[in-house]
Amino acid sequence: MHAPADVASHFRRLAGDVLTHWHIQKRLSECARDGTAFTSPRVGLFFARVNNLLIDFLFLSVARLHDPASSSGQSNVSANYIVEQIEDGETKGKLTKLLADMALFVQKHKQARNKLLAHNDAASILDSAGNIGGFESGDDEVYMMNLRCFATIISEHYFNEPFLYADLAANDVDAVQSILARGLDTFGD
């Protein structure tokens, strides 16, 4: 068994990565809908592929954050482990509620994670054309808000400090888009 504070430290990093990548993916999707430089014939396919990679990574990463507390006798860096190990009743209650709220989102795409992203289940791929799971517009935002709250609570509980992550990463997308647009203007689309 690992010390809960050690697991919480790694969980914060993983949660920060998920939130950062979600901000980037969300901004890339917004730019694609707005018909920006990311959709130009020269680079549109590349950024569509990057977006798909981010989506796959996000689904896998979110699923891993919700792995069981342990597997085959080994502790997992997961929200379930943190909730299981925390001793403070008030904090445990808050985290349990957030975990239940987040589980609503996680369950909606669990089958896709298990059958398409983590494994290449032939029946799922061939019979469904890859359309397994899904969620309503805005569900991701609710999940990410809950994840941020969960990480904030464990950060304050174990380390007496705020939870920080690269929440301005979407600005990087805008910077790349601006540079790309100038290059496309200079060299022609």
Foldseek 3Di string as FASTA:
>chain_A
DDDLLVLLVVLLVLLLVLLLLVLQLVLLVVCVVVVFLCCDPVRVVVSVVVSVVSVLVNLLSLLQQDDACDDPPHGGSHLNVNLVPDDDPVLSVLSVVLSVLLVVQNVQCVVLCVDPRVHPNPCCCVVVVSDGGDDDPPSVVSNSVSSLVNSQSSCCVSPVDGRDHPNVSSVVVVVVRVVSVVVCVVVPD
